[in-house]
């Protein structure tokens, strides 16, 4: 099968489940991760350096952060979907991009904002990764 990435509006999923995945089940905040790397790179505070650059939450303000859920690092240190899980996805602003899943559905393609990806809020002929039924608010189209 040649599934494509599925795009779904964040309001179409169970918010409690999404929150659990993002904050309690191994979600990674990429925006904070990049902020932390920059902090370590440029930090001149001797106390901070000696404490091995403790998480700098005090100075960080979350705003439209990007999260990845069920990802692991490959041998090059790059994040890839963890295929031992049922699904992997990226959350950014108002959409979820399902990059891997044991579940799929047929839908139409997205607008030019997400070229070559399937609109999970539609029906169509493109085989697309999706989230399990218990994750979705609405019935599948």
N, C-alpha and C. Protein backbone atom coordinates (compact mmCIF):
# COMPACT_ATOMS: atom_id res chain seq x y z
N UNK A 1 0.83 -1.18 0.00
CA UNK A 1 0.00 0.00 0.00
C UNK A 1 0.88 1.25 0.00
N UNK A 2 0.40 2.28 -0.64
CA UNK A 2 1.11 3.55 -0.69
C UNK A 2 0.27 4.65 -0.07
N UNK A 3 0.14 4.62 1.25
CA UNK A 3 -0.62 5.64 1.93
C UNK A 3 0.10 6.97 1.88
N UNK A 4 -0.68 8.04 1.92
CA UNK A 4 -0.11 9.38 1.98
C UNK A 4 -0.43 9.98 3.35
N UNK A 5 0.28 11.03 3.69
CA UNK A 5 0.04 11.73 4.95
C UNK A 5 -1.37 12.27 4.98
N UNK A 6 -2.04 12.11 6.12
CA UNK A 6 -3.39 12.63 6.28
C UNK A 6 -3.40 13.90 7.10
N UNK A 7 -4.22 14.85 6.67
CA UNK A 7 -4.37 16.14 7.36
C UNK A 7 -5.77 16.21 7.94
N UNK A 8 -5.87 16.55 9.23
CA UNK A 8 -7.17 16.69 9.86
C UNK A 8 -7.16 17.94 10.74
N UNK A 9 -8.29 18.63 10.75
CA UNK A 9 -8.43 19.81 11.57
C UNK A 9 -8.37 19.39 13.04
N UNK A 10 -7.67 20.15 13.84
CA UNK A 10 -7.48 19.81 15.25
C UNK A 10 -8.82 19.75 16.00
N UNK A 11 -9.82 20.47 15.51
CA UNK A 11 -11.15 20.44 16.14
C UNK A 11 -11.95 19.19 15.80
N UNK A 12 -11.43 18.35 14.92
CA UNK A 12 -12.13 17.12 14.53
C UNK A 12 -11.70 15.92 15.37
N UNK A 13 -10.83 16.14 16.36
CA UNK A 13 -10.36 15.03 17.17
C UNK A 13 -10.71 15.25 18.64
N UNK A 14 -10.70 14.17 19.39
CA UNK A 14 -10.96 14.20 20.82
C UNK A 14 -9.83 14.96 21.51
N UNK A 15 -10.14 16.10 22.08
CA UNK A 15 -9.11 16.97 22.69
C UNK A 15 -8.46 16.34 23.91
N UNK A 16 -9.20 15.56 24.68
CA UNK A 16 -8.60 14.89 25.84
C UNK A 16 -7.55 13.88 25.39
N UNK A 17 -7.86 13.13 24.36
CA UNK A 17 -6.91 12.15 23.83
C UNK A 17 -5.69 12.85 23.25
N UNK A 18 -5.91 13.92 22.52
CA UNK A 18 -4.81 14.68 21.93
C UNK A 18 -3.90 15.23 23.02
N UNK A 19 -4.49 15.80 24.05
CA UNK A 19 -3.70 16.34 25.17
C UNK A 19 -2.89 15.23 25.83
N UNK A 20 -3.51 14.08 26.06
CA UNK A 20 -2.79 12.96 26.65
C UNK A 20 -1.58 12.56 25.81
N UNK A 21 -1.78 12.44 24.50
CA UNK A 21 -0.68 12.05 23.62
C UNK A 21 0.43 13.10 23.59
N UNK A 22 0.05 14.36 23.52
CA UNK A 22 1.05 15.43 23.39
C UNK A 22 1.86 15.62 24.68
N UNK A 23 1.20 15.52 25.83
CA UNK A 23 1.87 15.88 27.08
C UNK A 23 2.22 14.71 27.99
N UNK A 24 1.54 13.57 27.85
CA UNK A 24 1.76 12.48 28.80
C UNK A 24 2.17 11.15 28.19
N UNK A 25 2.08 11.01 26.89
CA UNK A 25 2.39 9.73 26.24
C UNK A 25 3.53 9.87 25.23
N UNK A 26 4.52 10.63 25.57
CA UNK A 26 5.70 10.67 24.72
C UNK A 26 5.70 11.70 23.62
N UNK A 27 4.82 12.69 23.69
CA UNK A 27 4.88 13.77 22.72
C UNK A 27 6.14 14.61 22.94
N UNK A 28 6.68 15.13 21.88
CA UNK A 28 7.89 15.95 21.93
C UNK A 28 7.57 17.32 21.39
N UNK A 29 7.86 18.35 22.16
CA UNK A 29 7.66 19.73 21.73
C UNK A 29 8.89 20.16 20.94
N UNK A 30 8.80 20.11 19.62
CA UNK A 30 9.95 20.47 18.77
C UNK A 30 10.34 21.94 18.92
N UNK A 31 9.36 22.79 19.13
CA UNK A 31 9.65 24.21 19.28
C UNK A 31 10.49 24.45 20.53
N UNK A 32 10.11 23.83 21.64
CA UNK A 32 10.89 23.95 22.87
C UNK A 32 12.24 23.27 22.73
N UNK A 33 12.27 22.13 22.05
CA UNK A 33 13.52 21.41 21.83
C UNK A 33 14.52 22.31 21.09
N UNK A 34 14.07 23.00 20.06
CA UNK A 34 14.95 23.93 19.33
C UNK A 34 15.34 25.11 20.19
N UNK A 35 14.40 25.62 20.98
CA UNK A 35 14.71 26.72 21.90
C UNK A 35 15.80 26.29 22.88
N UNK A 36 15.67 25.08 23.42
CA UNK A 36 16.65 24.57 24.38
C UNK A 36 18.03 24.42 23.74
N UNK A 37 18.08 23.94 22.50
CA UNK A 37 19.36 23.80 21.80
C UNK A 37 20.03 25.17 21.62
N UNK A 38 19.24 26.17 21.27
CA UNK A 38 19.78 27.53 21.13
C UNK A 38 20.25 28.07 22.48
N UNK A 39 19.51 27.78 23.53
CA UNK A 39 19.90 28.21 24.87
C UNK A 39 21.27 27.64 25.24
N UNK A 40 21.43 26.34 25.04
CA UNK A 40 22.69 25.67 25.37
C UNK A 40 23.83 26.25 24.54
N UNK A 41 23.55 26.51 23.28
CA UNK A 41 24.58 27.01 22.36
C UNK A 41 25.11 28.39 22.76
N UNK A 42 24.23 29.26 23.24
CA UNK A 42 24.63 30.64 23.50
C UNK A 42 24.68 31.03 24.98
N UNK A 43 24.38 30.11 25.87
CA UNK A 43 24.31 30.44 27.30
C UNK A 43 25.69 30.82 27.83
N UNK A 44 25.73 31.91 28.58
CA UNK A 44 26.97 32.36 29.20
C UNK A 44 26.86 32.35 30.73
N UNK A 45 25.75 31.87 31.25
CA UNK A 45 25.52 31.81 32.69
C UNK A 45 26.27 30.61 33.27
N UNK A 46 27.31 30.89 34.07
CA UNK A 46 28.15 29.83 34.62
C UNK A 46 27.34 28.83 35.44
N UNK A 47 26.39 29.32 36.26
CA UNK A 47 25.57 28.42 37.07
C UNK A 47 24.74 27.49 36.19
N UNK A 48 24.21 28.02 35.12
CA UNK A 48 23.40 27.21 34.20
C UNK A 48 24.28 26.16 33.52
N UNK A 49 25.46 26.58 33.08
CA UNK A 49 26.37 25.66 32.39
C UNK A 49 26.78 24.53 33.33
N UNK A 50 27.08 24.88 34.58
CA UNK A 50 27.50 23.85 35.53
C UNK A 50 26.37 22.89 35.88
N UNK A 51 25.14 23.32 35.78
CA UNK A 51 24.02 22.44 36.06
C UNK A 51 23.56 21.72 34.80
N UNK A 52 24.41 21.71 33.80
CA UNK A 52 24.16 21.02 32.53
C UNK A 52 22.92 21.57 31.82
N UNK A 53 22.77 22.86 31.88
CA UNK A 53 21.68 23.54 31.18
C UNK A 53 20.33 22.93 31.49
N UNK A 54 19.94 23.08 32.73
CA UNK A 54 18.62 22.60 33.12
C UNK A 54 17.56 23.20 32.22
N UNK A 55 16.47 22.51 32.08
CA UNK A 55 15.40 23.02 31.21
C UNK A 55 15.07 24.46 31.56
N UNK A 56 15.12 25.31 30.57
CA UNK A 56 14.93 26.74 30.75
C UNK A 56 13.46 27.13 30.57
N UNK A 57 12.59 26.52 31.39
CA UNK A 57 11.16 26.80 31.29
C UNK A 57 10.82 28.22 31.75
N UNK A 58 11.62 28.76 32.66
CA UNK A 58 11.32 30.07 33.22
C UNK A 58 11.24 31.16 32.15
N UNK A 59 12.08 31.10 31.16
CA UNK A 59 12.15 32.14 30.14
C UNK A 59 11.41 31.78 28.85
N UNK A 60 10.79 30.62 28.83
CA UNK A 60 10.14 30.14 27.61
C UNK A 60 8.64 30.40 27.66
N UNK A 61 8.11 30.92 26.57
CA UNK A 61 6.67 31.12 26.45
C UNK A 61 6.15 30.30 25.27
N UNK A 62 5.27 29.37 25.57
CA UNK A 62 4.71 28.53 24.52
C UNK A 62 3.71 29.31 23.69
N UNK A 63 3.84 29.19 22.36
CA UNK A 63 2.92 29.88 21.46
C UNK A 63 2.96 29.18 20.10
N UNK A 64 1.88 28.52 19.75
CA UNK A 64 1.80 27.79 18.48
C UNK A 64 2.96 26.82 18.29
N UNK A 65 3.32 26.12 19.35
CA UNK A 65 4.41 25.16 19.28
C UNK A 65 4.04 23.98 18.39
N UNK A 66 5.06 23.33 17.84
CA UNK A 66 4.89 22.14 17.03
C UNK A 66 5.28 20.93 17.86
N UNK A 67 4.39 19.95 17.91
CA UNK A 67 4.63 18.71 18.65
C UNK A 67 4.67 17.54 17.68
N UNK A 68 5.47 16.55 18.03
CA UNK A 68 5.42 15.27 17.32
C UNK A 68 5.05 14.20 18.35
N UNK A 69 4.25 13.25 17.92
CA UNK A 69 3.78 12.19 18.80
C UNK A 69 4.14 10.84 18.19
N UNK A 70 4.70 9.97 19.02
CA UNK A 70 5.12 8.63 18.62
C UNK A 70 6.21 8.66 17.55
N UNK A 71 7.24 9.42 17.83
CA UNK A 71 8.42 9.48 16.98
C UNK A 71 9.63 8.99 17.76
N UNK A 72 10.62 8.48 17.05
CA UNK A 72 11.88 8.06 17.64
C UNK A 72 13.00 8.66 16.79
N UNK A 73 14.21 8.65 17.32
CA UNK A 73 15.36 9.12 16.54
C UNK A 73 16.01 7.94 15.82
N UNK A 74 16.40 8.19 14.57
CA UNK A 74 17.10 7.16 13.81
C UNK A 74 18.59 7.23 14.15
N UNK A 75 19.40 6.43 13.45
CA UNK A 75 20.84 6.39 13.75
C UNK A 75 21.57 7.69 13.39
N UNK A 76 20.92 8.58 12.66
CA UNK A 76 21.50 9.88 12.34
C UNK A 76 21.00 10.98 13.28
N UNK A 77 20.16 10.61 14.23
CA UNK A 77 19.62 11.57 15.17
C UNK A 77 18.41 12.33 14.67
N UNK A 78 17.82 11.87 13.57
CA UNK A 78 16.64 12.51 13.00
C UNK A 78 15.38 11.80 13.51
N UNK A 79 14.33 12.57 13.72
CA UNK A 79 13.07 11.99 14.16
C UNK A 79 12.36 11.30 13.00
N UNK A 80 11.88 10.08 13.27
CA UNK A 80 11.11 9.31 12.30
C UNK A 80 9.90 8.71 13.03
N UNK A 81 8.80 8.41 12.30
CA UNK A 81 7.66 7.77 12.95
C UNK A 81 8.06 6.44 13.59
N UNK A 82 7.54 6.20 14.78
CA UNK A 82 7.77 4.94 15.48
C UNK A 82 6.74 3.93 15.00
N UNK A 83 7.14 3.04 14.12
CA UNK A 83 6.20 2.11 13.50
C UNK A 83 5.81 0.96 14.41
N UNK A 84 6.33 0.94 15.64
CA UNK A 84 5.85 -0.03 16.61
C UNK A 84 4.58 0.47 17.28
N UNK A 85 4.24 1.74 17.07
CA UNK A 85 3.03 2.35 17.62
C UNK A 85 1.92 2.27 16.57
N UNK A 86 0.69 2.55 16.99
CA UNK A 86 -0.44 2.50 16.06
C UNK A 86 -0.45 3.69 15.11
N UNK A 87 0.11 4.82 15.53
CA UNK A 87 0.11 6.02 14.69
C UNK A 87 1.20 6.98 15.15
N UNK A 88 1.59 7.86 14.25
CA UNK A 88 2.52 8.96 14.54
C UNK A 88 1.97 10.19 13.84
N UNK A 89 2.10 11.34 14.50
CA UNK A 89 1.60 12.55 13.86
C UNK A 89 2.33 13.78 14.34
N UNK A 90 2.11 14.88 13.59
CA UNK A 90 2.67 16.19 13.89
C UNK A 90 1.49 17.12 14.17
N UNK A 91 1.59 17.90 15.24
CA UNK A 91 0.56 18.89 15.57
C UNK A 91 1.17 20.26 15.41
N UNK A 92 0.56 21.07 14.54
CA UNK A 92 1.03 22.45 14.39
C UNK A 92 -0.17 23.35 14.16
N UNK A 93 -0.25 24.37 14.98
CA UNK A 93 -1.34 25.34 14.95
C UNK A 93 -2.70 24.65 14.95
N UNK A 94 -3.40 24.61 13.83
CA UNK A 94 -4.76 24.10 13.82
C UNK A 94 -4.93 22.76 13.10
N UNK A 95 -3.83 22.10 12.74
CA UNK A 95 -3.94 20.83 12.02
C UNK A 95 -3.05 19.75 12.62
N UNK A 96 -3.44 18.53 12.31
CA UNK A 96 -2.66 17.35 12.65
C UNK A 96 -2.30 16.67 11.34
N UNK A 97 -1.02 16.35 11.19
CA UNK A 97 -0.54 15.61 10.02
C UNK A 97 -0.22 14.19 10.47
N UNK A 98 -1.02 13.24 10.02
CA UNK A 98 -0.82 11.84 10.39
C UNK A 98 0.20 11.27 9.40
N UNK A 99 1.43 11.07 9.88
CA UNK A 99 2.54 10.66 9.02
C UNK A 99 2.73 9.16 8.94
N UNK A 100 2.14 8.44 9.90
CA UNK A 100 2.15 6.98 9.88
C UNK A 100 0.95 6.51 10.68
N UNK A 101 0.34 5.42 10.24
CA UNK A 101 -0.76 4.84 11.00
C UNK A 101 -1.05 3.43 10.51
N UNK A 102 -1.53 2.62 11.42
CA UNK A 102 -2.02 1.29 11.06
C UNK A 102 -3.43 1.39 10.51
N UNK A 103 -4.00 2.60 10.58
CA UNK A 103 -5.35 2.85 10.11
C UNK A 103 -5.29 3.72 8.85
N UNK A 104 -6.23 3.51 7.95
CA UNK A 104 -6.27 4.36 6.75
C UNK A 104 -7.70 4.54 6.28
N UNK A 105 -7.87 5.50 5.44
CA UNK A 105 -9.17 5.75 4.80
C UNK A 105 -8.91 6.38 3.45
N UNK A 106 -9.91 6.36 2.63
CA UNK A 106 -9.80 7.00 1.32
C UNK A 106 -10.42 8.38 1.41
N UNK A 107 -9.69 9.37 0.90
CA UNK A 107 -10.18 10.75 0.96
C UNK A 107 -9.64 11.52 -0.24
N UNK A 108 -10.04 12.77 -0.34
CA UNK A 108 -9.56 13.63 -1.44
C UNK A 108 -8.26 14.32 -1.01
N UNK A 109 -7.61 14.93 -1.97
CA UNK A 109 -6.37 15.65 -1.67
C UNK A 109 -6.68 16.99 -1.00
N UNK A 110 -5.72 17.49 -0.27
CA UNK A 110 -5.84 18.78 0.41
C UNK A 110 -5.67 19.93 -0.57
N UNK A 111 -5.89 21.11 -0.05
CA UNK A 111 -5.64 22.34 -0.81
C UNK A 111 -4.14 22.46 -1.05
N UNK A 112 -3.72 23.44 -1.84
CA UNK A 112 -2.28 23.62 -2.11
C UNK A 112 -1.43 23.89 -0.86
N UNK A 113 -2.06 24.19 0.27
CA UNK A 113 -1.30 24.40 1.51
C UNK A 113 -0.59 23.12 1.95
N UNK A 114 -1.15 21.96 1.61
CA UNK A 114 -0.59 20.66 1.98
C UNK A 114 -0.56 19.77 0.74
N UNK A 115 0.30 20.09 -0.21
CA UNK A 115 0.32 19.35 -1.49
C UNK A 115 0.64 17.87 -1.30
N UNK A 116 -0.10 17.04 -2.02
CA UNK A 116 0.14 15.61 -2.02
C UNK A 116 -0.31 14.90 -0.75
N UNK A 117 -1.06 15.59 0.11
CA UNK A 117 -1.53 15.00 1.35
C UNK A 117 -3.06 14.91 1.31
N UNK A 118 -3.60 13.94 2.07
CA UNK A 118 -5.03 13.70 2.03
C UNK A 118 -5.80 14.46 3.09
N UNK A 119 -6.97 14.98 2.71
CA UNK A 119 -7.85 15.71 3.61
C UNK A 119 -8.76 14.71 4.33
N UNK A 120 -8.45 14.43 5.59
CA UNK A 120 -9.20 13.42 6.34
C UNK A 120 -10.62 13.86 6.69
N UNK A 121 -10.93 15.12 6.48
CA UNK A 121 -12.29 15.60 6.70
C UNK A 121 -13.13 15.48 5.42
N UNK A 122 -12.69 14.66 4.47
CA UNK A 122 -13.39 14.48 3.20
C UNK A 122 -13.42 13.00 2.83
N UNK A 123 -14.09 12.71 1.74
CA UNK A 123 -14.03 11.36 1.17
C UNK A 123 -13.45 11.48 -0.24
N UNK A 124 -12.91 10.40 -0.74
CA UNK A 124 -12.29 10.43 -2.06
C UNK A 124 -11.62 9.11 -2.36
N UNK A 125 -10.62 9.14 -3.23
CA UNK A 125 -10.01 7.89 -3.69
C UNK A 125 -8.56 7.69 -3.26
N UNK A 126 -7.97 8.64 -2.54
CA UNK A 126 -6.57 8.53 -2.14
C UNK A 126 -6.44 7.83 -0.80
N UNK A 127 -5.66 6.74 -0.76
CA UNK A 127 -5.43 5.99 0.47
C UNK A 127 -4.54 6.82 1.39
N UNK A 128 -5.04 7.10 2.59
CA UNK A 128 -4.43 8.09 3.47
C UNK A 128 -4.32 7.56 4.90
N UNK A 129 -3.18 7.84 5.56
CA UNK A 129 -3.06 7.51 6.98
C UNK A 129 -4.09 8.32 7.77
N UNK A 130 -4.71 7.68 8.76
CA UNK A 130 -5.67 8.38 9.61
C UNK A 130 -5.49 7.93 11.05
N UNK A 131 -6.23 8.52 11.94
CA UNK A 131 -6.23 8.14 13.35
C UNK A 131 -7.32 7.11 13.59
N UNK A 132 -7.21 6.34 14.67
CA UNK A 132 -8.26 5.36 14.96
C UNK A 132 -9.59 6.03 15.26
N UNK A 133 -10.67 5.29 15.07
CA UNK A 133 -12.01 5.83 15.26
C UNK A 133 -12.21 6.46 16.64
N UNK A 134 -11.66 5.85 17.68
CA UNK A 134 -11.86 6.38 19.04
C UNK A 134 -11.22 7.76 19.22
N UNK A 135 -10.36 8.16 18.30
CA UNK A 135 -9.68 9.44 18.38
C UNK A 135 -10.49 10.58 17.72
N UNK A 136 -11.37 10.18 16.83
CA UNK A 136 -12.09 11.16 16.02
C UNK A 136 -13.40 11.56 16.66
N UNK A 137 -13.73 12.86 16.58
CA UNK A 137 -14.99 13.38 17.11
C UNK A 137 -16.16 12.98 16.24
N UNK A 138 -15.97 13.15 14.95
CA UNK A 138 -17.04 12.92 14.00
C UNK A 138 -16.95 11.51 13.45
N UNK A 139 -18.04 11.05 12.89
CA UNK A 139 -17.98 9.81 12.15
C UNK A 139 -17.19 10.05 10.88
N UNK A 140 -16.54 9.02 10.42
CA UNK A 140 -15.76 9.15 9.19
C UNK A 140 -16.68 9.43 8.03
N UNK A 141 -16.18 10.21 7.07
CA UNK A 141 -16.94 10.53 5.86
C UNK A 141 -16.87 9.34 4.94
